[in-house]
Amino acid sequence: MEENARALADEESKMLRLRLIVDGAAHLLMHGHFASEEVPEIIQQTRAKVLELFPDKGDLFDLIFLPRFMRLFRDWG
């Protein structure tokens, strides 16, 4: 039982870090002043950080977060 609680706490911690990473990148893209050639680097760095937490979820990053980041940059950047 204690092992399950520990695993759950670890997963919650990873999800919080994921949210902070993604929200931070979104904030940068919305409020930063970047040349369009800098945006892919910001997104790639964000993807790398996410994959450190969830190594097998690169396809989900590309499906969920990549379009969001591109839309934020296009609409706000």
PDB file of N, CA and C in Angstrom:
ATOM      1  N   MET A   1       0.820  -1.194   0.000  1.00  0.00           N
ATOM      2  CA  MET A   1       0.000   0.000   0.000  1.00  0.00           C
ATOM      3  C   MET A   1       0.864   1.257   0.000  1.00  0.00           C
ATOM      4  N   GLU A   2       1.905   1.273   0.826  1.00  0.00           N
ATOM      5  CA  GLU A   2       2.797   2.433   0.889  1.00  0.00           C
ATOM      6  C   GLU A   2       3.509   2.647  -0.443  1.00  0.00           C
ATOM      7  N   GLU A   3       3.838   1.564  -1.110  1.00  0.00           N
ATOM      8  CA  GLU A   3       4.493   1.665  -2.411  1.00  0.00           C
ATOM      9  C   GLU A   3       3.563   2.311  -3.430  1.00  0.00           C
ATOM     10  N   ASN A   4       2.288   1.979  -3.392  1.00  0.00           N
ATOM     11  CA  ASN A   4       1.304   2.599  -4.286  1.00  0.00           C
ATOM     12  C   ASN A   4       1.179   4.095  -4.013  1.00  0.00           C
ATOM     13  N   ALA A   5       1.168   4.461  -2.746  1.00  0.00           N
ATOM     14  CA  ALA A   5       1.070   5.875  -2.381  1.00  0.00           C
ATOM     15  C   ALA A   5       2.294   6.634  -2.875  1.00  0.00           C
ATOM     16  N   ARG A   6       3.448   6.024  -2.756  1.00  0.00           N
ATOM     17  CA  ARG A   6       4.684   6.642  -3.222  1.00  0.00           C
ATOM     18  C   ARG A   6       4.662   6.803  -4.745  1.00  0.00           C
ATOM     19  N   ALA A   7       4.196   5.779  -5.442  1.00  0.00           N
ATOM     20  CA  ALA A   7       4.112   5.842  -6.902  1.00  0.00           C
ATOM     21  C   ALA A   7       3.131   6.922  -7.340  1.00  0.00           C
ATOM     22  N   LEU A   8       2.025   7.022  -6.647  1.00  0.00           N
ATOM     23  CA  LEU A   8       1.038   8.050  -6.962  1.00  0.00           C
ATOM     24  C   LEU A   8       1.607   9.448  -6.714  1.00  0.00           C
ATOM     25  N   ALA A   9       2.305   9.630  -5.601  1.00  0.00           N
ATOM     26  CA  ALA A   9       2.914  10.928  -5.296  1.00  0.00           C
ATOM     27  C   ALA A   9       3.955  11.287  -6.345  1.00  0.00           C
ATOM     28  N   ASP A  10       4.725  10.299  -6.799  1.00  0.00           N
ATOM     29  CA  ASP A  10       5.731  10.544  -7.828  1.00  0.00           C
ATOM     30  C   ASP A  10       5.066  10.958  -9.140  1.00  0.00           C
ATOM     31  N   GLU A  11       3.999  10.282  -9.488  1.00  0.00           N
ATOM     32  CA  GLU A  11       3.279  10.619 -10.720  1.00  0.00           C
ATOM     33  C   GLU A  11       2.675  12.020 -10.634  1.00  0.00           C
ATOM     34  N   GLU A  12       2.127  12.361  -9.493  1.00  0.00           N
ATOM     35  CA  GLU A  12       1.571  13.705  -9.305  1.00  0.00           C
ATOM     36  C   GLU A  12       2.659  14.765  -9.407  1.00  0.00           C
ATOM     37  N   SER A  13       3.818  14.474  -8.876  1.00  0.00           N
ATOM     38  CA  SER A  13       4.943  15.400  -8.953  1.00  0.00           C
ATOM     39  C   SER A  13       5.379  15.598 -10.404  1.00  0.00           C
ATOM     40  N   LYS A  14       5.451  14.507 -11.154  1.00  0.00           N
ATOM     41  CA  LYS A  14       5.816  14.601 -12.565  1.00  0.00           C
ATOM     42  C   LYS A  14       4.785  15.400 -13.357  1.00  0.00           C
ATOM     43  N   MET A  15       3.516  15.205 -13.042  1.00  0.00           N
ATOM     44  CA  MET A  15       2.465  15.950 -13.743  1.00  0.00           C
ATOM     45  C   MET A  15       2.539  17.445 -13.422  1.00  0.00           C
ATOM     46  N   LEU A  16       2.849  17.777 -12.186  1.00  0.00           N
ATOM     47  CA  LEU A  16       3.011  19.179 -11.818  1.00  0.00           C
ATOM     48  C   LEU A  16       4.191  19.790 -12.567  1.00  0.00           C
ATOM     49  N   ARG A  17       5.306  19.069 -12.628  1.00  0.00           N
ATOM     50  CA  ARG A  17       6.465  19.574 -13.376  1.00  0.00           C
ATOM     51  C   ARG A  17       6.138  19.726 -14.850  1.00  0.00           C
ATOM     52  N   LEU A  18       5.383  18.772 -15.407  1.00  0.00           N
ATOM     53  CA  LEU A  18       4.960  18.873 -16.801  1.00  0.00           C
ATOM     54  C   LEU A  18       4.164  20.152 -17.017  1.00  0.00           C
ATOM     55  N   ARG A  19       3.207  20.397 -16.137  1.00  0.00           N
ATOM     56  CA  ARG A  19       2.379  21.597 -16.273  1.00  0.00           C
ATOM     57  C   ARG A  19       3.220  22.868 -16.180  1.00  0.00           C
ATOM     58  N   LEU A  20       4.165  22.893 -15.254  1.00  0.00           N
ATOM     59  CA  LEU A  20       5.015  24.078 -15.119  1.00  0.00           C
ATOM     60  C   LEU A  20       5.878  24.297 -16.355  1.00  0.00           C
ATOM     61  N   ILE A  21       6.417  23.233 -16.909  1.00  0.00           N
ATOM     62  CA  ILE A  21       7.250  23.327 -18.111  1.00  0.00           C
ATOM     63  C   ILE A  21       6.421  23.840 -19.289  1.00  0.00           C
ATOM     64  N   VAL A  22       5.271  23.225 -19.497  1.00  0.00           N
ATOM     65  CA  VAL A  22       4.423  23.581 -20.641  1.00  0.00           C
ATOM     66  C   VAL A  22       3.860  24.991 -20.478  1.00  0.00           C
ATOM     67  N   ASP A  23       3.394  25.317 -19.286  1.00  0.00           N
ATOM     68  CA  ASP A  23       2.862  26.663 -19.061  1.00  0.00           C
ATOM     69  C   ASP A  23       3.948  27.725 -19.211  1.00  0.00           C
ATOM     70  N   GLY A  24       5.151  27.408 -18.769  1.00  0.00           N
ATOM     71  CA  GLY A  24       6.263  28.347 -18.928  1.00  0.00           C
ATOM     72  C   GLY A  24       6.586  28.601 -20.385  1.00  0.00           C
ATOM     73  N   ALA A  25       6.616  27.540 -21.168  1.00  0.00           N
ATOM     74  CA  ALA A  25       6.882  27.694 -22.600  1.00  0.00           C
ATOM     75  C   ALA A  25       5.755  28.476 -23.274  1.00  0.00           C
ATOM     76  N   ALA A  26       4.523  28.184 -22.897  1.00  0.00           N
ATOM     77  CA  ALA A  26       3.388  28.909 -23.472  1.00  0.00           C
ATOM     78  C   ALA A  26       3.485  30.401 -23.142  1.00  0.00           C
ATOM     79  N   HIS A  27       3.847  30.704 -21.912  1.00  0.00           N
ATOM     80  CA  HIS A  27       4.005  32.099 -21.502  1.00  0.00           C
ATOM     81  C   HIS A  27       5.091  32.787 -22.330  1.00  0.00           C
ATOM     82  N   LEU A  28       6.205  32.100 -22.513  1.00  0.00           N
ATOM     83  CA  LEU A  28       7.281  32.674 -23.342  1.00  0.00           C
ATOM     84  C   LEU A  28       6.798  32.968 -24.754  1.00  0.00           C
ATOM     85  N   LEU A  29       6.090  32.025 -25.341  1.00  0.00           N
ATOM     86  CA  LEU A  29       5.633  32.207 -26.717  1.00  0.00           C
ATOM     87  C   LEU A  29       4.585  33.309 -26.831  1.00  0.00           C
ATOM     88  N   MET A  30       3.793  33.484 -25.793  1.00  0.00           N
ATOM     89  CA  MET A  30       2.761  34.518 -25.830  1.00  0.00           C
ATOM     90  C   MET A  30       3.321  35.912 -25.554  1.00  0.00           C
ATOM     91  N   HIS A  31       4.325  35.996 -24.692  1.00  0.00           N
ATOM     92  CA  HIS A  31       4.768  37.301 -24.225  1.00  0.00           C
ATOM     93  C   HIS A  31       6.191  37.662 -24.619  1.00  0.00           C
ATOM     94  N   GLY A  32       6.911  36.706 -25.161  1.00  0.00           N
ATOM     95  CA  GLY A  32       8.275  36.990 -25.580  1.00  0.00           C
ATOM     96  C   GLY A  32       8.290  37.618 -26.959  1.00  0.00           C
ATOM     97  N   HIS A  33       9.394  38.184 -27.271  1.00  0.00           N
ATOM     98  CA  HIS A  33       9.576  38.779 -28.603  1.00  0.00           C
ATOM     99  C   HIS A  33      10.678  37.992 -29.289  1.00  0.00           C
ATOM    100  N   PHE A  34      10.252  36.989 -30.039  1.00  0.00           N
ATOM    101  CA  PHE A  34      11.188  36.082 -30.676  1.00  0.00           C
ATOM    102  C   PHE A  34      11.073  36.182 -32.183  1.00  0.00           C
ATOM    103  N   ALA A  35      12.195  35.998 -32.831  1.00  0.00           N
ATOM    104  CA  ALA A  35      12.171  35.838 -34.283  1.00  0.00           C
ATOM    105  C   ALA A  35      11.578  34.466 -34.567  1.00  0.00           C
ATOM    106  N   SER A  36      10.927  34.333 -35.700  1.00  0.00           N
ATOM    107  CA  SER A  36      10.251  33.073 -36.009  1.00  0.00           C
ATOM    108  C   SER A  36      11.216  31.894 -36.038  1.00  0.00           C
ATOM    109  N   GLU A  37      12.476  32.132 -36.333  1.00  0.00           N
ATOM    110  CA  GLU A  37      13.446  31.025 -36.354  1.00  0.00           C
ATOM    111  C   GLU A  37      13.849  30.581 -34.948  1.00  0.00           C
ATOM    112  N   GLU A  38      13.538  31.376 -33.932  1.00  0.00           N
ATOM    113  CA  GLU A  38      13.841  30.998 -32.549  1.00  0.00           C
ATOM    114  C   GLU A  38      12.774  30.088 -31.942  1.00  0.00           C
ATOM    115  N   VAL A  39      11.578  30.157 -32.463  1.00  0.00           N
ATOM    116  CA  VAL A  39      10.455  29.408 -31.899  1.00  0.00           C
ATOM    117  C   VAL A  39      10.690  27.900 -31.930  1.00  0.00           C
ATOM    118  N   PRO A  40      11.144  27.324 -33.035  1.00  0.00           N
ATOM    119  CA  PRO A  40      11.389  25.874 -33.021  1.00  0.00           C
ATOM    120  C   PRO A  40      12.394  25.445 -31.943  1.00  0.00           C
ATOM    121  N   GLU A  41      13.369  26.265 -31.652  1.00  0.00           N
ATOM    122  CA  GLU A  41      14.343  25.926 -30.604  1.00  0.00           C
ATOM    123  C   GLU A  41      13.681  25.921 -29.227  1.00  0.00           C
ATOM    124  N   ILE A  42      12.834  26.883 -28.966  1.00  0.00           N
ATOM    125  CA  ILE A  42      12.108  26.928 -27.693  1.00  0.00           C
ATOM    126  C   ILE A  42      11.227  25.691 -27.553  1.00  0.00           C
ATOM    127  N   ILE A  43      10.535  25.358 -28.622  1.00  0.00           N
ATOM    128  CA  ILE A  43       9.663  24.183 -28.591  1.00  0.00           C
ATOM    129  C   ILE A  43      10.482  22.910 -28.427  1.00  0.00           C
ATOM    130  N   GLN A  44      11.600  22.809 -29.109  1.00  0.00           N
ATOM    131  CA  GLN A  44      12.441  21.615 -29.001  1.00  0.00           C
ATOM    132  C   GLN A  44      13.006  21.464 -27.589  1.00  0.00           C
ATOM    133  N   GLN A  45      13.416  22.560 -26.987  1.00  0.00           N
ATOM    134  CA  GLN A  45      13.910  22.496 -25.606  1.00  0.00           C
ATOM    135  C   GLN A  45      12.799  22.065 -24.649  1.00  0.00           C
ATOM    136  N   THR A  46      11.604  22.575 -24.875  1.00  0.00           N
ATOM    137  CA  THR A  46      10.462  22.182 -24.054  1.00  0.00           C
ATOM    138  C   THR A  46      10.170  20.699 -24.238  1.00  0.00           C
ATOM    139  N   ARG A  47      10.195  20.233 -25.466  1.00  0.00           N
ATOM    140  CA  ARG A  47       9.954  18.813 -25.752  1.00  0.00           C
ATOM    141  C   ARG A  47      10.988  17.942 -25.048  1.00  0.00           C
ATOM    142  N   ALA A  48      12.240  18.357 -25.082  1.00  0.00           N
ATOM    143  CA  ALA A  48      13.298  17.586 -24.415  1.00  0.00           C
ATOM    144  C   ALA A  48      13.056  17.489 -22.914  1.00  0.00           C
ATOM    145  N   LYS A  49      12.633  18.589 -22.300  1.00  0.00           N
ATOM    146  CA  LYS A  49      12.339  18.567 -20.864  1.00  0.00           C
ATOM    147  C   LYS A  49      11.166  17.647 -20.550  1.00  0.00           C
ATOM    148  N   VAL A  50      10.150  17.682 -21.392  1.00  0.00           N
ATOM    149  CA  VAL A  50       8.991  16.818 -21.191  1.00  0.00           C
ATOM    150  C   VAL A  50       9.399  15.353 -21.340  1.00  0.00           C
ATOM    151  N   LEU A  51      10.247  15.062 -22.316  1.00  0.00           N
ATOM    152  CA  LEU A  51      10.670  13.679 -22.528  1.00  0.00           C
ATOM    153  C   LEU A  51      11.571  13.173 -21.411  1.00  0.00           C
ATOM    154  N   GLU A  52      12.216  14.065 -20.670  1.00  0.00           N
ATOM    155  CA  GLU A  52      12.966  13.642 -19.486  1.00  0.00           C
ATOM    156  C   GLU A  52      12.005  13.070 -18.444  1.00  0.00           C
ATOM    157  N   LEU A  53      10.827  13.661 -18.343  1.00  0.00           N
ATOM    158  CA  LEU A  53       9.818  13.187 -17.387  1.00  0.00           C
ATOM    159  C   LEU A  53       9.077  11.958 -17.905  1.00  0.00           C
ATOM    160  N   PHE A  54       8.733  11.987 -19.184  1.00  0.00           N
ATOM    161  CA  PHE A  54       7.927  10.931 -19.799  1.00  0.00           C
ATOM    162  C   PHE A  54       8.604  10.504 -21.110  1.00  0.00           C
ATOM    163  N   PRO A  55       9.631   9.663 -21.023  1.00  0.00           N
ATOM    164  CA  PRO A  55      10.452   9.337 -22.194  1.00  0.00           C
ATOM    165  C   PRO A  55       9.695   8.738 -23.378  1.00  0.00           C
ATOM    166  N   ASP A  56       8.632   8.044 -23.146  1.00  0.00           N
ATOM    167  CA  ASP A  56       7.930   7.373 -24.239  1.00  0.00           C
ATOM    168  C   ASP A  56       6.731   8.148 -24.760  1.00  0.00           C
ATOM    169  N   LYS A  57       6.648   9.433 -24.459  1.00  0.00           N
ATOM    170  CA  LYS A  57       5.467  10.217 -24.820  1.00  0.00           C
ATOM    171  C   LYS A  57       5.737  11.313 -25.845  1.00  0.00           C
ATOM    172  N   GLY A  58       6.775  11.153 -26.646  1.00  0.00           N
ATOM    173  CA  GLY A  58       7.088  12.152 -27.666  1.00  0.00           C
ATOM    174  C   GLY A  58       5.974  12.332 -28.669  1.00  0.00           C
ATOM    175  N   ASP A  59       5.314  11.236 -29.028  1.00  0.00           N
ATOM    176  CA  ASP A  59       4.216  11.336 -29.983  1.00  0.00           C
ATOM    177  C   ASP A  59       3.039  12.132 -29.412  1.00  0.00           C
ATOM    178  N   LEU A  60       2.795  11.976 -28.116  1.00  0.00           N
ATOM    179  CA  LEU A  60       1.724  12.759 -27.488  1.00  0.00           C
ATOM    180  C   LEU A  60       2.094  14.239 -27.399  1.00  0.00           C
ATOM    181  N   PHE A  61       3.362  14.531 -27.144  1.00  0.00           N
ATOM    182  CA  PHE A  61       3.806  15.926 -27.136  1.00  0.00           C
ATOM    183  C   PHE A  61       3.515  16.546 -28.496  1.00  0.00           C
ATOM    184  N   ASP A  62       3.909  15.831 -29.552  1.00  0.00           N
ATOM    185  CA  ASP A  62       3.721  16.351 -30.907  1.00  0.00           C
ATOM    186  C   ASP A  62       2.237  16.517 -31.253  1.00  0.00           C
ATOM    187  N   LEU A  63       1.417  15.651 -30.712  1.00  0.00           N
ATOM    188  CA  LEU A  63      -0.011  15.698 -31.003  1.00  0.00           C
ATOM    189  C   LEU A  63      -0.738  16.774 -30.203  1.00  0.00           C
ATOM    190  N   ILE A  64      -0.350  16.942 -28.948  1.00  0.00           N
ATOM    191  CA  ILE A  64      -1.088  17.842 -28.055  1.00  0.00           C
ATOM    192  C   ILE A  64      -0.435  19.217 -27.939  1.00  0.00           C
ATOM    193  N   PHE A  65       0.831  19.247 -27.590  1.00  0.00           N
ATOM    194  CA  PHE A  65       1.467  20.518 -27.252  1.00  0.00           C
ATOM    195  C   PHE A  65       2.038  21.265 -28.455  1.00  0.00           C
ATOM    196  N   LEU A  66       2.575  20.572 -29.430  1.00  0.00           N
ATOM    197  CA  LEU A  66       3.157  21.257 -30.586  1.00  0.00           C
ATOM    198  C   LEU A  66       2.146  22.166 -31.281  1.00  0.00           C
ATOM    199  N   PRO A  67       0.953  21.674 -31.611  1.00  0.00           N
ATOM    200  CA  PRO A  67      -0.029  22.585 -32.235  1.00  0.00           C
ATOM    201  C   PRO A  67      -0.408  23.759 -31.323  1.00  0.00           C
ATOM    202  N   ARG A  68      -0.497  23.487 -30.026  1.00  0.00           N
ATOM    203  CA  ARG A  68      -0.822  24.565 -29.077  1.00  0.00           C
ATOM    204  C   ARG A  68       0.253  25.640 -29.106  1.00  0.00           C
ATOM    205  N   PHE A  69       1.516  25.239 -29.069  1.00  0.00           N
ATOM    206  CA  PHE A  69       2.611  26.207 -29.076  1.00  0.00           C
ATOM    207  C   PHE A  69       2.645  26.999 -30.380  1.00  0.00           C
ATOM    208  N   MET A  70       2.442  26.328 -31.491  1.00  0.00           N
ATOM    209  CA  MET A  70       2.456  27.031 -32.776  1.00  0.00           C
ATOM    210  C   MET A  70       1.294  28.022 -32.855  1.00  0.00           C
ATOM    211  N   ARG A  71       0.148  27.624 -32.365  1.00  0.00           N
ATOM    212  CA  ARG A  71      -1.019  28.522 -32.365  1.00  0.00           C
ATOM    213  C   ARG A  71      -0.774  29.730 -31.463  1.00  0.00           C
ATOM    214  N   LEU A  72      -0.188  29.494 -30.292  1.00  0.00           N
ATOM    215  CA  LEU A  72       0.105  30.611 -29.381  1.00  0.00           C
ATOM    216  C   LEU A  72       1.078  31.592 -30.016  1.00  0.00           C
ATOM    217  N   PHE A  73       2.106  31.074 -30.645  1.00  0.00           N
ATOM    218  CA  PHE A  73       3.084  31.968 -31.278  1.00  0.00           C
ATOM    219  C   PHE A  73       2.425  32.746 -32.413  1.00  0.00           C
ATOM    220  N   ARG A  74       1.640  32.057 -33.220  1.00  0.00           N
ATOM    221  CA  ARG A  74       0.987  32.725 -34.337  1.00  0.00           C
ATOM    222  C   ARG A  74       0.011  33.801 -33.865  1.00  0.00           C
ATOM    223  N   ASP A  75      -0.758  33.495 -32.824  1.00  0.00           N
ATOM    224  CA  ASP A  75      -1.799  34.422 -32.374  1.00  0.00           C
ATOM    225  C   ASP A  75      -1.288  35.524 -31.447  1.00  0.00           C
ATOM    226  N   TRP A  76      -0.235  35.238 -30.676  1.00  0.00           N
ATOM    227  CA  TRP A  76       0.224  36.187 -29.659  1.00  0.00           C
ATOM    228  C   TRP A  76       1.622  36.722 -29.939  1.00  0.00           C
ATOM    229  N   GLY A  77       2.413  35.945 -30.625  1.00  0.00           N
ATOM    230  CA  GLY A  77       3.830  36.289 -30.775  1.00  0.00           C
ATOM    231  C   GLY A  77       4.117  37.419 -31.694  1.00  0.00           C
TER     232      GLY A  77
END
